Amino acid sequence: MVASRDIGAQWRDRGVAVARWWRPKIVVPTTVETTIPAPTTTVYVEPVYYTIEPGDSLFAISKKFNLNMAELMSINNITNPDKVNAGDVIQLPVATGFVAVAPSTTMKP
């Protein structure tokens, strides 16, 4: 008997039927977990304030500064957007750094 042959070959030599798929399987992990946290950067941005002028509305202010009106109301605790007065100072939401880009209108050749 040859020691380098696998058990399946030895059994076949003795007339024992062995399935061709029978082989010991070795499982090697392919992923490694890391305990190093991802780096984060916190940047402080001064809040921006706006003084409401005569004739201004929250809708007009949100359009002027390209802001979400609901967020503008939320950070200033405004429940009725029609109840803002000239001279009131409101805080504008901090920019997130995201710039919306419109799809290209250039036609393909």
PDB file of N, CA and C in Angstrom:
ATOM      1  N   MET A   1       0.847  -1.166   0.000  1.00  0.00           N
ATOM      2  CA  MET A   1       0.000   0.000   0.000  1.00  0.00           C
ATOM      3  C   MET A   1       0.899   1.237   0.000  1.00  0.00           C
ATOM      4  N   VAL A   2       0.555   2.235  -0.811  1.00  0.00           N
ATOM      5  CA  VAL A   2       1.337   3.460  -0.927  1.00  0.00           C
ATOM      6  C   VAL A   2       0.742   4.493   0.011  1.00  0.00           C
ATOM      7  N   ALA A   3       1.575   5.116   0.825  1.00  0.00           N
ATOM      8  CA  ALA A   3       1.098   6.052   1.838  1.00  0.00           C
ATOM      9  C   ALA A   3       0.661   7.381   1.249  1.00  0.00           C
ATOM     10  N   SER A   4       1.143   7.733   0.067  1.00  0.00           N
ATOM     11  CA  SER A   4       0.830   9.044  -0.492  1.00  0.00           C
ATOM     12  C   SER A   4      -0.532   9.083  -1.171  1.00  0.00           C
ATOM     13  N   ARG A   5      -1.181   7.960  -1.371  1.00  0.00           N
ATOM     14  CA  ARG A   5      -2.495   7.944  -2.021  1.00  0.00           C
ATOM     15  C   ARG A   5      -3.574   8.289  -1.010  1.00  0.00           C
ATOM     16  N   ASP A   6      -4.657   8.882  -1.496  1.00  0.00           N
ATOM     17  CA  ASP A   6      -5.731   9.234  -0.567  1.00  0.00           C
ATOM     18  C   ASP A   6      -6.550   8.007  -0.183  1.00  0.00           C
ATOM     19  N   ILE A   7      -7.374   8.168   0.812  1.00  0.00           N
ATOM     20  CA  ILE A   7      -8.168   7.050   1.331  1.00  0.00           C
ATOM     21  C   ILE A   7      -9.119   6.530   0.272  1.00  0.00           C
ATOM     22  N   GLY A   8      -9.708   7.447  -0.545  1.00  0.00           N
ATOM     23  CA  GLY A   8     -10.630   7.032  -1.594  1.00  0.00           C
ATOM     24  C   GLY A   8      -9.966   6.079  -2.578  1.00  0.00           C
ATOM     25  N   ALA A   9      -8.717   6.363  -2.952  1.00  0.00           N
ATOM     26  CA  ALA A   9      -7.989   5.491  -3.884  1.00  0.00           C
ATOM     27  C   ALA A   9      -7.730   4.136  -3.240  1.00  0.00           C
ATOM     28  N   GLN A  10      -7.395   4.132  -1.972  1.00  0.00           N
ATOM     29  CA  GLN A  10      -7.140   2.878  -1.271  1.00  0.00           C
ATOM     30  C   GLN A  10      -8.422   2.047  -1.203  1.00  0.00           C
ATOM     31  N   TRP A  11      -9.564   2.683  -0.968  1.00  0.00           N
ATOM     32  CA  TRP A  11     -10.816   1.947  -0.905  1.00  0.00           C
ATOM     33  C   TRP A  11     -11.199   1.402  -2.272  1.00  0.00           C
ATOM     34  N   ARG A  12     -10.966   2.202  -3.331  1.00  0.00           N
ATOM     35  CA  ARG A  12     -11.279   1.726  -4.683  1.00  0.00           C
ATOM     36  C   ARG A  12     -10.437   0.498  -5.035  1.00  0.00           C
ATOM     37  N   ASP A  13      -9.166   0.489  -4.588  1.00  0.00           N
ATOM     38  CA  ASP A  13      -8.295  -0.660  -4.825  1.00  0.00           C
ATOM     39  C   ASP A  13      -8.870  -1.921  -4.189  1.00  0.00           C
ATOM     40  N   ARG A  14      -9.602  -1.761  -3.099  1.00  0.00           N
ATOM     41  CA  ARG A  14     -10.172  -2.914  -2.393  1.00  0.00           C
ATOM     42  C   ARG A  14     -11.567  -3.253  -2.898  1.00  0.00           C
ATOM     43  N   GLY A  15     -12.055  -2.487  -3.914  1.00  0.00           N
ATOM     44  CA  GLY A  15     -13.366  -2.790  -4.472  1.00  0.00           C
ATOM     45  C   GLY A  15     -14.507  -2.084  -3.785  1.00  0.00           C
ATOM     46  N   VAL A  16     -14.236  -1.091  -2.960  1.00  0.00           N
ATOM     47  CA  VAL A  16     -15.292  -0.340  -2.284  1.00  0.00           C
ATOM     48  C   VAL A  16     -15.667   0.841  -3.168  1.00  0.00           C
ATOM     49  N   ALA A  17     -16.975   1.012  -3.403  1.00  0.00           N
ATOM     50  CA  ALA A  17     -17.452   2.122  -4.224  1.00  0.00           C
ATOM     51  C   ALA A  17     -17.350   3.417  -3.433  1.00  0.00           C
ATOM     52  N   VAL A  18     -16.663   4.383  -4.006  1.00  0.00           N
ATOM     53  CA  VAL A  18     -16.477   5.692  -3.351  1.00  0.00           C
ATOM     54  C   VAL A  18     -16.958   6.752  -4.332  1.00  0.00           C
ATOM     55  N   ALA A  19     -17.793   7.667  -3.830  1.00  0.00           N
ATOM     56  CA  ALA A  19     -18.276   8.749  -4.694  1.00  0.00           C
ATOM     57  C   ALA A  19     -17.101   9.626  -5.116  1.00  0.00           C
ATOM     58  N   ARG A  20     -17.131  10.081  -6.374  1.00  0.00           N
ATOM     59  CA  ARG A  20     -16.026  10.902  -6.888  1.00  0.00           C
ATOM     60  C   ARG A  20     -15.929  12.236  -6.148  1.00  0.00           C
ATOM     61  N   TRP A  21     -17.041  12.708  -5.631  1.00  0.00           N
ATOM     62  CA  TRP A  21     -17.026  14.007  -4.957  1.00  0.00           C
ATOM     63  C   TRP A  21     -16.522  13.922  -3.533  1.00  0.00           C
ATOM     64  N   TRP A  22     -16.317  12.718  -3.046  1.00  0.00           N
ATOM     65  CA  TRP A  22     -15.897  12.586  -1.663  1.00  0.00           C
ATOM     66  C   TRP A  22     -14.446  12.995  -1.514  1.00  0.00           C
ATOM     67  N   ARG A  23     -14.228  14.059  -0.857  1.00  0.00           N
ATOM     68  CA  ARG A  23     -12.892  14.535  -0.512  1.00  0.00           C
ATOM     69  C   ARG A  23     -13.023  15.389   0.734  1.00  0.00           C
ATOM     70  N   PRO A  24     -12.059  15.323   1.598  1.00  0.00           N
ATOM     71  CA  PRO A  24     -12.117  16.212   2.767  1.00  0.00           C
ATOM     72  C   PRO A  24     -11.984  17.661   2.300  1.00  0.00           C
ATOM     73  N   LYS A  25     -12.760  18.530   2.884  1.00  0.00           N
ATOM     74  CA  LYS A  25     -12.733  19.930   2.492  1.00  0.00           C
ATOM     75  C   LYS A  25     -12.065  20.762   3.579  1.00  0.00           C
ATOM     76  N   ILE A  26     -11.223  21.639   3.133  1.00  0.00           N
ATOM     77  CA  ILE A  26     -10.563  22.565   4.047  1.00  0.00           C
ATOM     78  C   ILE A  26     -11.143  23.942   3.773  1.00  0.00           C
ATOM     79  N   VAL A  27     -11.656  24.586   4.806  1.00  0.00           N
ATOM     80  CA  VAL A  27     -12.260  25.900   4.659  1.00  0.00           C
ATOM     81  C   VAL A  27     -11.281  26.934   5.185  1.00  0.00           C
ATOM     82  N   VAL A  28     -10.934  27.882   4.322  1.00  0.00           N
ATOM     83  CA  VAL A  28     -10.024  28.950   4.701  1.00  0.00           C
ATOM     84  C   VAL A  28     -10.823  30.250   4.721  1.00  0.00           C
ATOM     85  N   PRO A  29     -10.821  30.963   5.836  1.00  0.00           N
ATOM     86  CA  PRO A  29     -11.577  32.214   5.869  1.00  0.00           C
ATOM     87  C   PRO A  29     -11.000  33.212   4.868  1.00  0.00           C
ATOM     88  N   THR A  30     -11.905  33.924   4.185  1.00  0.00           N
ATOM     89  CA  THR A  30     -11.461  34.877   3.178  1.00  0.00           C
ATOM     90  C   THR A  30     -11.579  36.323   3.635  1.00  0.00           C
ATOM     91  N   THR A  31     -12.190  36.548   4.785  1.00  0.00           N
ATOM     92  CA  THR A  31     -12.303  37.915   5.287  1.00  0.00           C
ATOM     93  C   THR A  31     -11.657  38.008   6.654  1.00  0.00           C
ATOM     94  N   VAL A  32     -11.158  39.174   6.937  1.00  0.00           N
ATOM     95  CA  VAL A  32     -10.528  39.434   8.227  1.00  0.00           C
ATOM     96  C   VAL A  32     -11.194  40.654   8.824  1.00  0.00           C
ATOM     97  N   GLU A  33     -11.633  40.531  10.058  1.00  0.00           N
ATOM     98  CA  GLU A  33     -12.262  41.671  10.719  1.00  0.00           C
ATOM     99  C   GLU A  33     -11.177  42.568  11.285  1.00  0.00           C
ATOM    100  N   THR A  34     -11.465  43.842  11.260  1.00  0.00           N
ATOM    101  CA  THR A  34     -10.515  44.797  11.807  1.00  0.00           C
ATOM    102  C   THR A  34     -11.158  45.541  12.962  1.00  0.00           C
ATOM    103  N   THR A  35     -10.363  45.933  13.901  1.00  0.00           N
ATOM    104  CA  THR A  35     -10.887  46.678  15.044  1.00  0.00           C
ATOM    105  C   THR A  35     -10.503  48.145  14.963  1.00  0.00           C
ATOM    106  N   ILE A  36      -9.896  48.557  13.856  1.00  0.00           N
ATOM    107  CA  ILE A  36      -9.505  49.949  13.698  1.00  0.00           C
ATOM    108  C   ILE A  36     -10.708  50.728  13.179  1.00  0.00           C
ATOM    109  N   PRO A  37     -11.175  51.726  13.928  1.00  0.00           N
ATOM    110  CA  PRO A  37     -12.334  52.486  13.463  1.00  0.00           C
ATOM    111  C   PRO A  37     -11.962  53.373  12.281  1.00  0.00           C
ATOM    112  N   ALA A  38     -12.955  53.641  11.456  1.00  0.00           N
ATOM    113  CA  ALA A  38     -12.738  54.514  10.305  1.00  0.00           C
ATOM    114  C   ALA A  38     -12.475  55.934  10.804  1.00  0.00           C
ATOM    115  N   PRO A  39     -11.538  56.630  10.187  1.00  0.00           N
ATOM    116  CA  PRO A  39     -11.258  57.990  10.633  1.00  0.00           C
ATOM    117  C   PRO A  39     -12.426  58.922  10.307  1.00  0.00           C
ATOM    118  N   THR A  40     -12.707  59.826  11.211  1.00  0.00           N
ATOM    119  CA  THR A  40     -13.765  60.800  10.991  1.00  0.00           C
ATOM    120  C   THR A  40     -13.200  62.190  11.212  1.00  0.00           C
ATOM    121  N   THR A  41     -13.760  63.135  10.525  1.00  0.00           N
ATOM    122  CA  THR A  41     -13.335  64.518  10.670  1.00  0.00           C
ATOM    123  C   THR A  41     -14.559  65.340  11.004  1.00  0.00           C
ATOM    124  N   THR A  42     -14.471  66.113  12.056  1.00  0.00           N
ATOM    125  CA  THR A  42     -15.555  66.991  12.449  1.00  0.00           C
ATOM    126  C   THR A  42     -15.101  68.422  12.228  1.00  0.00           C
ATOM    127  N   VAL A  43     -15.855  69.128  11.432  1.00  0.00           N
ATOM    128  CA  VAL A  43     -15.523  70.516  11.143  1.00  0.00           C
ATOM    129  C   VAL A  43     -16.647  71.386  11.693  1.00  0.00           C
ATOM    130  N   TYR A  44     -16.280  72.356  12.505  1.00  0.00           N
ATOM    131  CA  TYR A  44     -17.292  73.261  13.048  1.00  0.00           C
ATOM    132  C   TYR A  44     -17.538  74.378  12.047  1.00  0.00           C
ATOM    133  N   VAL A  45     -18.793  74.624  11.763  1.00  0.00           N
ATOM    134  CA  VAL A  45     -19.178  75.691  10.853  1.00  0.00           C
ATOM    135  C   VAL A  45     -20.053  76.660  11.631  1.00  0.00           C
ATOM    136  N   GLU A  46     -19.696  77.938  11.582  1.00  0.00           N
ATOM    137  CA  GLU A  46     -20.487  78.966  12.261  1.00  0.00           C
ATOM    138  C   GLU A  46     -21.892  79.000  11.670  1.00  0.00           C
ATOM    139  N   PRO A  47     -22.912  79.111  12.514  1.00  0.00           N
ATOM    140  CA  PRO A  47     -24.272  79.207  11.977  1.00  0.00           C
ATOM    141  C   PRO A  47     -24.448  80.511  11.197  1.00  0.00           C
ATOM    142  N   VAL A  48     -25.303  80.458  10.201  1.00  0.00           N
ATOM    143  CA  VAL A  48     -25.591  81.631   9.380  1.00  0.00           C
ATOM    144  C   VAL A  48     -26.979  82.126   9.761  1.00  0.00           C
ATOM    145  N   TYR A  49     -27.081  83.435  10.007  1.00  0.00           N
ATOM    146  CA  TYR A  49     -28.358  84.021  10.393  1.00  0.00           C
ATOM    147  C   TYR A  49     -28.830  84.985   9.311  1.00  0.00           C
ATOM    148  N   TYR A  50     -30.146  85.130   9.217  1.00  0.00           N
ATOM    149  CA  TYR A  50     -30.737  86.017   8.226  1.00  0.00           C
ATOM    150  C   TYR A  50     -31.805  86.843   8.922  1.00  0.00           C
ATOM    151  N   THR A  51     -31.783  88.141   8.683  1.00  0.00           N
ATOM    152  CA  THR A  51     -32.805  89.027   9.238  1.00  0.00           C
ATOM    153  C   THR A  51     -33.916  89.179   8.206  1.00  0.00           C
ATOM    154  N   ILE A  52     -35.122  88.846   8.626  1.00  0.00           N
ATOM    155  CA  ILE A  52     -36.267  88.898   7.719  1.00  0.00           C
ATOM    156  C   ILE A  52     -36.577  90.359   7.395  1.00  0.00           C
ATOM    157  N   GLU A  53     -36.719  90.625   6.101  1.00  0.00           N
ATOM    158  CA  GLU A  53     -37.001  91.976   5.625  1.00  0.00           C
ATOM    159  C   GLU A  53     -38.476  92.108   5.290  1.00  0.00           C
ATOM    160  N   PRO A  54     -38.991  93.360   5.224  1.00  0.00           N
ATOM    161  CA  PRO A  54     -40.400  93.541   4.869  1.00  0.00           C
ATOM    162  C   PRO A  54     -40.705  92.885   3.518  1.00  0.00           C
ATOM    163  N   GLY A  55     -41.784  92.100   3.452  1.00  0.00           N
ATOM    164  CA  GLY A  55     -42.195  91.417   2.233  1.00  0.00           C
ATOM    165  C   GLY A  55     -41.632  90.017   2.095  1.00  0.00           C
ATOM    166  N   ASP A  56     -40.683  89.630   2.971  1.00  0.00           N
ATOM    167  CA  ASP A  56     -40.124  88.276   2.922  1.00  0.00           C
ATOM    168  C   ASP A  56     -41.126  87.252   3.444  1.00  0.00           C
ATOM    169  N   SER A  57     -41.047  86.065   2.916  1.00  0.00           N
ATOM    170  CA  SER A  57     -41.794  84.919   3.445  1.00  0.00           C
ATOM    171  C   SER A  57     -40.807  83.766   3.572  1.00  0.00           C
ATOM    172  N   LEU A  58     -41.156  82.773   4.371  1.00  0.00           N
ATOM    173  CA  LEU A  58     -40.252  81.623   4.513  1.00  0.00           C
ATOM    174  C   LEU A  58     -40.073  80.916   3.176  1.00  0.00           C
ATOM    175  N   PHE A  59     -41.132  80.881   2.383  1.00  0.00           N
ATOM    176  CA  PHE A  59     -41.035  80.251   1.073  1.00  0.00           C
ATOM    177  C   PHE A  59     -40.021  80.989   0.198  1.00  0.00           C
ATOM    178  N   ALA A  60     -40.104  82.332   0.183  1.00  0.00           N
ATOM    179  CA  ALA A  60     -39.187  83.137  -0.636  1.00  0.00           C
ATOM    180  C   ALA A  60     -37.748  82.994  -0.128  1.00  0.00           C
ATOM    181  N   ILE A  61     -37.576  82.946   1.182  1.00  0.00           N
ATOM    182  CA  ILE A  61     -36.230  82.793   1.760  1.00  0.00           C
ATOM    183  C   ILE A  61     -35.667  81.424   1.396  1.00  0.00           C
ATOM    184  N   SER A  62     -36.500  80.377   1.490  1.00  0.00           N
ATOM    185  CA  SER A  62     -36.021  79.030   1.166  1.00  0.00           C
ATOM    186  C   SER A  62     -35.640  78.938  -0.306  1.00  0.00           C
ATOM    187  N   LYS A  63     -36.387  79.612  -1.189  1.00  0.00           N
ATOM    188  CA  LYS A  63     -36.042  79.609  -2.612  1.00  0.00           C
ATOM    189  C   LYS A  63     -34.781  80.440  -2.871  1.00  0.00           C
ATOM    190  N   LYS A  64     -34.662  81.576  -2.186  1.00  0.00           N
ATOM    191  CA  LYS A  64     -33.512  82.468  -2.371  1.00  0.00           C
ATOM    192  C   LYS A  64     -32.202  81.786  -2.029  1.00  0.00           C
ATOM    193  N   PHE A  65     -32.210  80.981  -0.952  1.00  0.00           N
ATOM    194  CA  PHE A  65     -30.989  80.317  -0.495  1.00  0.00           C
ATOM    195  C   PHE A  65     -30.949  78.832  -0.862  1.00  0.00           C
ATOM    196  N   ASN A  66     -31.927  78.392  -1.655  1.00  0.00           N
ATOM    197  CA  ASN A  66     -32.015  76.990  -2.081  1.00  0.00           C
ATOM    198  C   ASN A  66     -32.045  76.042  -0.876  1.00  0.00           C
ATOM    199  N   LEU A  67     -32.986  76.299   0.032  1.00  0.00           N
ATOM    200  CA  LEU A  67     -33.117  75.520   1.263  1.00  0.00           C
ATOM    201  C   LEU A  67     -34.437  74.768   1.279  1.00  0.00           C
ATOM    202  N   ASN A  68     -34.505  73.777   2.139  1.00  0.00           N
ATOM    203  CA  ASN A  68     -35.735  73.038   2.366  1.00  0.00           C
ATOM    204  C   ASN A  68     -36.545  73.830   3.384  1.00  0.00           C
ATOM    205  N   MET A  69     -37.764  74.232   3.011  1.00  0.00           N
ATOM    206  CA  MET A  69     -38.579  75.062   3.895  1.00  0.00           C
ATOM    207  C   MET A  69     -38.931  74.351   5.199  1.00  0.00           C
ATOM    208  N   ALA A  70     -39.193  73.046   5.142  1.00  0.00           N
ATOM    209  CA  ALA A  70     -39.522  72.292   6.360  1.00  0.00           C
ATOM    210  C   ALA A  70     -38.333  72.283   7.321  1.00  0.00           C
ATOM    211  N   GLU A  71     -37.120  72.152   6.787  1.00  0.00           N
ATOM    212  CA  GLU A  71     -35.933  72.176   7.644  1.00  0.00           C
ATOM    213  C   GLU A  71     -35.724  73.563   8.231  1.00  0.00           C
ATOM    214  N   LEU A  72     -35.973  74.599   7.438  1.00  0.00           N
ATOM    215  CA  LEU A  72     -35.864  75.981   7.900  1.00  0.00           C
ATOM    216  C   LEU A  72     -36.823  76.227   9.060  1.00  0.00           C
ATOM    217  N   MET A  73     -38.049  75.724   8.922  1.00  0.00           N
ATOM    218  CA  MET A  73     -39.034  75.867  10.004  1.00  0.00           C
ATOM    219  C   MET A  73     -38.616  75.073  11.229  1.00  0.00           C
ATOM    220  N   SER A  74     -38.086  73.882  11.025  1.00  0.00           N
ATOM    221  CA  SER A  74     -37.718  73.007  12.135  1.00  0.00           C
ATOM    222  C   SER A  74     -36.602  73.597  12.996  1.00  0.00           C
ATOM    223  N   ILE A  75     -35.534  74.064  12.372  1.00  0.00           N
ATOM    224  CA  ILE A  75     -34.408  74.560  13.184  1.00  0.00           C
ATOM    225  C   ILE A  75     -34.719  75.889  13.862  1.00  0.00           C
ATOM    226  N   ASN A  76     -35.760  76.590  13.391  1.00  0.00           N
ATOM    227  CA  ASN A  76     -36.147  77.858  14.010  1.00  0.00           C
ATOM    228  C   ASN A  76     -37.414  77.742  14.848  1.00  0.00           C
ATOM    229  N   ASN A  77     -37.899  76.523  15.060  1.00  0.00           N
ATOM    230  CA  ASN A  77     -39.104  76.264  15.863  1.00  0.00           C
ATOM    231  C   ASN A  77     -40.299  77.095  15.390  1.00  0.00           C
ATOM    232  N   ILE A  78     -40.491  77.155  14.082  1.00  0.00           N
ATOM    233  CA  ILE A  78     -41.616  77.895  13.510  1.00  0.00           C
ATOM    234  C   ILE A  78     -42.701  76.888  13.158  1.00  0.00           C
ATOM    235  N   THR A  79     -43.892  77.082  13.705  1.00  0.00           N
ATOM    236  CA  THR A  79     -44.989  76.157  13.429  1.00  0.00           C
ATOM    237  C   THR A  79     -45.903  76.676  12.327  1.00  0.00           C
ATOM    238  N   ASN A  80     -45.987  78.009  12.177  1.00  0.00           N
ATOM    239  CA  ASN A  80     -46.840  78.595  11.147  1.00  0.00           C
ATOM    240  C   ASN A  80     -45.961  79.457  10.239  1.00  0.00           C
ATOM    241  N   PRO A  81     -45.740  79.027   8.988  1.00  0.00           N
ATOM    242  CA  PRO A  81     -44.844  79.781   8.110  1.00  0.00           C
ATOM    243  C   PRO A  81     -45.377  81.167   7.740  1.00  0.00           C
ATOM    244  N   ASP A  82     -46.666  81.410   7.983  1.00  0.00           N
ATOM    245  CA  ASP A  82     -47.242  82.724   7.678  1.00  0.00           C
ATOM    246  C   ASP A  82     -47.038  83.716   8.822  1.00  0.00           C
ATOM    247  N   LYS A  83     -46.506  83.275   9.937  1.00  0.00           N
ATOM    248  CA  LYS A  83     -46.350  84.138  11.111  1.00  0.00           C
ATOM    249  C   LYS A  83     -44.884  84.507  11.341  1.00  0.00           C
ATOM    250  N   VAL A  84     -44.260  85.103  10.346  1.00  0.00           N
ATOM    251  CA  VAL A  84     -42.906  85.637  10.523  1.00  0.00           C
ATOM    252  C   VAL A  84     -42.982  87.143  10.301  1.00  0.00           C
ATOM    253  N   ASN A  85     -42.211  87.878  11.066  1.00  0.00           N
ATOM    254  CA  ASN A  85     -42.284  89.338  11.017  1.00  0.00           C
ATOM    255  C   ASN A  85     -40.962  89.928  10.545  1.00  0.00           C
ATOM    256  N   ALA A  86     -41.057  91.059   9.890  1.00  0.00           N
ATOM    257  CA  ALA A  86     -39.858  91.776   9.465  1.00  0.00           C
ATOM    258  C   ALA A  86     -39.041  92.121  10.723  1.00  0.00           C
ATOM    259  N   GLY A  87     -37.751  91.915  10.631  1.00  0.00           N
ATOM    260  CA  GLY A  87     -36.871  92.176  11.775  1.00  0.00           C
ATOM    261  C   GLY A  87     -36.535  90.918  12.557  1.00  0.00           C
ATOM    262  N   ASP A  88     -37.329  89.850  12.415  1.00  0.00           N
ATOM    263  CA  ASP A  88     -37.007  88.585  13.080  1.00  0.00           C
ATOM    264  C   ASP A  88     -35.710  88.033  12.485  1.00  0.00           C
ATOM    265  N   VAL A  89     -34.905  87.409  13.324  1.00  0.00           N
ATOM    266  CA  VAL A  89     -33.656  86.799  12.857  1.00  0.00           C
ATOM    267  C   VAL A  89     -33.831  85.286  12.913  1.00  0.00           C
ATOM    268  N   ILE A  90     -33.576  84.636  11.789  1.00  0.00           N
ATOM    269  CA  ILE A  90     -33.693  83.182  11.739  1.00  0.00           C
ATOM    270  C   ILE A  90     -32.339  82.578  11.383  1.00  0.00           C
ATOM    271  N   GLN A  91     -32.159  81.354  11.806  1.00  0.00           N
ATOM    272  CA  GLN A  91     -30.920  80.627  11.488  1.00  0.00           C
ATOM    273  C   GLN A  91     -31.141  79.823  10.219  1.00  0.00           C
ATOM    274  N   LEU A  92     -30.165  79.875   9.317  1.00  0.00           N
ATOM    275  CA  LEU A  92     -30.233  79.088   8.089  1.00  0.00           C
ATOM    276  C   LEU A  92     -29.531  77.753   8.319  1.00  0.00           C
ATOM    277  N   PRO A  93     -30.017  76.680   7.698  1.00  0.00           N
ATOM    278  CA  PRO A  93     -29.360  75.381   7.864  1.00  0.00           C
ATOM    279  C   PRO A  93     -27.920  75.437   7.360  1.00  0.00           C
ATOM    280  N   VAL A  94     -27.061  74.673   8.032  1.00  0.00           N
ATOM    281  CA  VAL A  94     -25.653  74.610   7.669  1.00  0.00           C
ATOM    282  C   VAL A  94     -25.509  73.830   6.372  1.00  0.00           C
ATOM    283  N   ALA A  95     -24.644  74.296   5.503  1.00  0.00           N
ATOM    284  CA  ALA A  95     -24.390  73.599   4.240  1.00  0.00           C
ATOM    285  C   ALA A  95     -23.728  72.262   4.528  1.00  0.00           C
ATOM    286  N   THR A  96     -24.132  71.238   3.795  1.00  0.00           N
ATOM    287  CA  THR A  96     -23.577  69.902   4.003  1.00  0.00           C
ATOM    288  C   THR A  96     -22.404  69.612   3.089  1.00  0.00           C
ATOM    289  N   GLY A  97     -22.147  70.498   2.139  1.00  0.00           N
ATOM    290  CA  GLY A  97     -21.074  70.247   1.189  1.00  0.00           C
ATOM    291  C   GLY A  97     -21.566  69.525  -0.049  1.00  0.00           C
ATOM    292  N   PHE A  98     -22.827  69.122  -0.048  1.00  0.00           N
ATOM    293  CA  PHE A  98     -23.401  68.438  -1.202  1.00  0.00           C
ATOM    294  C   PHE A  98     -23.875  69.481  -2.195  1.00  0.00           C
ATOM    295  N   VAL A  99     -23.467  69.336  -3.414  1.00  0.00           N
ATOM    296  CA  VAL A  99     -23.900  70.247  -4.464  1.00  0.00           C
ATOM    297  C   VAL A  99     -24.664  69.432  -5.500  1.00  0.00           C
ATOM    298  N   ALA A 100     -25.914  69.754  -5.678  1.00  0.00           N
ATOM    299  CA  ALA A 100     -26.722  69.034  -6.657  1.00  0.00           C
ATOM    300  C   ALA A 100     -26.268  69.424  -8.055  1.00  0.00           C
ATOM    301  N   VAL A 101     -26.143  68.442  -8.915  1.00  0.00           N
ATOM    302  CA  VAL A 101     -25.711  68.680 -10.287  1.00  0.00           C
ATOM    303  C   VAL A 101     -26.825  68.228 -11.212  1.00  0.00           C
ATOM    304  N   ALA A 102     -27.240  69.126 -12.085  1.00  0.00           N
ATOM    305  CA  ALA A 102     -28.297  68.783 -13.029  1.00  0.00           C
ATOM    306  C   ALA A 102     -27.729  67.858 -14.103  1.00  0.00           C
ATOM    307  N   PRO A 103     -28.552  66.983 -14.625  1.00  0.00           N
ATOM    308  CA  PRO A 103     -28.064  66.108 -15.689  1.00  0.00           C
ATOM    309  C   PRO A 103     -27.616  66.920 -16.904  1.00  0.00           C
ATOM    310  N   SER A 104     -26.685  66.401 -17.614  1.00  0.00           N
ATOM    311  CA  SER A 104     -26.133  67.092 -18.780  1.00  0.00           C
ATOM    312  C   SER A 104     -27.181  67.188 -19.878  1.00  0.00           C
ATOM    313  N   THR A 105     -27.213  68.344 -20.544  1.00  0.00           N
ATOM    314  CA  THR A 105     -28.130  68.513 -21.664  1.00  0.00           C
ATOM    315  C   THR A 105     -27.402  68.382 -22.998  1.00  0.00           C
ATOM    316  N   THR A 106     -26.130  68.049 -22.933  1.00  0.00           N
ATOM    317  CA  THR A 106     -25.354  67.879 -24.155  1.00  0.00           C
ATOM    318  C   THR A 106     -25.784  66.603 -24.847  1.00  0.00           C
ATOM    319  N   MET A 107     -26.072  66.709 -26.129  1.00  0.00           N
ATOM    320  CA  MET A 107     -26.501  65.540 -26.876  1.00  0.00           C
ATOM    321  C   MET A 107     -25.309  64.683 -27.256  1.00  0.00           C
ATOM    322  N   LYS A 108     -25.505  63.398 -27.301  1.00  0.00           N
ATOM    323  CA  LYS A 108     -24.454  62.481 -27.720  1.00  0.00           C
ATOM    324  C   LYS A 108     -24.275  62.580 -29.227  1.00  0.00           C
ATOM    325  N   PRO A 109     -23.033  62.443 -29.703  1.00  0.00           N
ATOM    326  CA  PRO A 109     -22.812  62.529 -31.155  1.00  0.00           C
ATOM    327  C   PRO A 109     -23.437  61.372 -31.902  1.00  0.00           C
TER     328      PRO A 109
END
